Protein backbone atom coordinates (compact mmCIF):
# COMPACT_ATOMS: atom_id res chain seq x y z
CA MET A 1 64.70 65.63 104.64
CA GLY A 2 62.72 64.73 102.00
CA TYR A 3 59.92 67.13 103.53
CA ILE A 4 61.90 70.04 103.16
CA PHE A 5 62.59 69.46 99.91
CA VAL A 6 58.35 69.15 99.10
CA PHE A 7 58.32 72.37 101.15
CA LEU A 8 60.41 73.99 99.26
CA ILE A 9 58.95 73.03 96.12
CA GLY A 10 55.90 74.23 97.30
CA PHE A 11 57.28 77.24 98.22
CA GLY A 12 58.85 77.83 94.38
CA LEU A 13 55.35 76.66 93.07
CA ALA A 14 53.12 79.52 95.21
CA VAL A 15 55.72 82.17 94.70
CA THR A 16 55.81 81.31 90.94
CA GLY A 17 51.89 81.20 90.51
CA GLY A 18 51.26 84.73 92.98
CA VAL A 19 54.03 86.14 90.24
CA THR A 20 52.27 85.24 87.38
CA LEU A 21 49.06 86.57 88.95
CA ILE A 22 50.56 90.12 89.45
CA ALA A 23 52.39 90.50 86.67
CA TYR A 24 48.73 89.56 84.52
CA LEU A 25 47.29 92.61 86.52
CA ASN A 26 48.56 94.59 84.27
CA PHE A 27 46.39 93.39 81.27
CA LEU A 28 43.48 95.84 83.76
CA PRO A 29 44.77 99.07 82.56
CA ALA A 30 44.70 97.77 79.26
CA GLY A 31 41.31 97.64 78.86
CA LEU A 32 40.15 94.50 80.81
CA SER A 33 37.22 93.98 83.16
CA TRP A 34 37.87 92.50 86.24
CA SER A 35 35.82 89.41 84.90
CA ASP A 36 37.43 88.79 82.01
CA TYR A 37 40.91 89.31 84.26
CA PHE A 38 38.90 85.68 86.21
CA ILE A 39 38.28 84.60 83.64
CA PHE A 40 41.61 84.79 81.53
CA ILE A 41 43.68 83.44 84.70
CA THR A 42 41.30 80.37 85.21
CA GLY A 43 42.57 78.96 81.75
CA ARG A 44 46.35 79.82 82.35
CA ILE A 45 47.98 76.78 84.16
CA GLU A 46 50.97 78.91 85.45
CA CYS A 47 48.08 80.36 87.92
CA TYR A 48 47.44 77.12 89.31
CA PHE A 49 50.80 77.11 91.09
CA LEU A 50 49.29 79.37 93.96
CA PRO A 51 47.14 76.97 94.99
CA LEU A 52 48.85 73.88 94.36
CA GLY A 53 51.89 75.06 95.99
CA ILE A 54 49.87 76.62 99.07
CA ILE A 55 48.87 73.38 99.51
CA LEU A 56 51.95 71.28 99.51
CA MET A 57 53.51 73.61 102.27
CA ALA A 58 50.25 73.52 104.38
CA ILE A 59 50.97 69.49 103.78
CA VAL A 60 54.23 69.77 104.94
CA ILE A 61 53.62 72.22 107.94
CA TYR A 62 50.79 70.16 109.19
CA ARG A 63 52.16 65.74 108.37
CA PHE A 64 55.82 67.03 110.65
CA PRO A 65 55.26 69.98 113.15
CA ASN A 66 57.53 68.27 116.03
CA ASN A 67 60.84 67.75 113.54
CA PRO A 68 63.75 69.63 114.70
């Protein structure tokens, strides 16, 4: 039961981080370059939720592959 909870937390973090990265793409039409965009998102903590969520989901999937 606990691994389902960890998987759902990872999924939520991945969704939050992905939506945040997409939302920050709106800065590109405002005049930021791609390099400025990447520098900006490396300084934002919520942008690290996407890889953290993917890692959590991968750990749960590979740790418990045969559970019903």
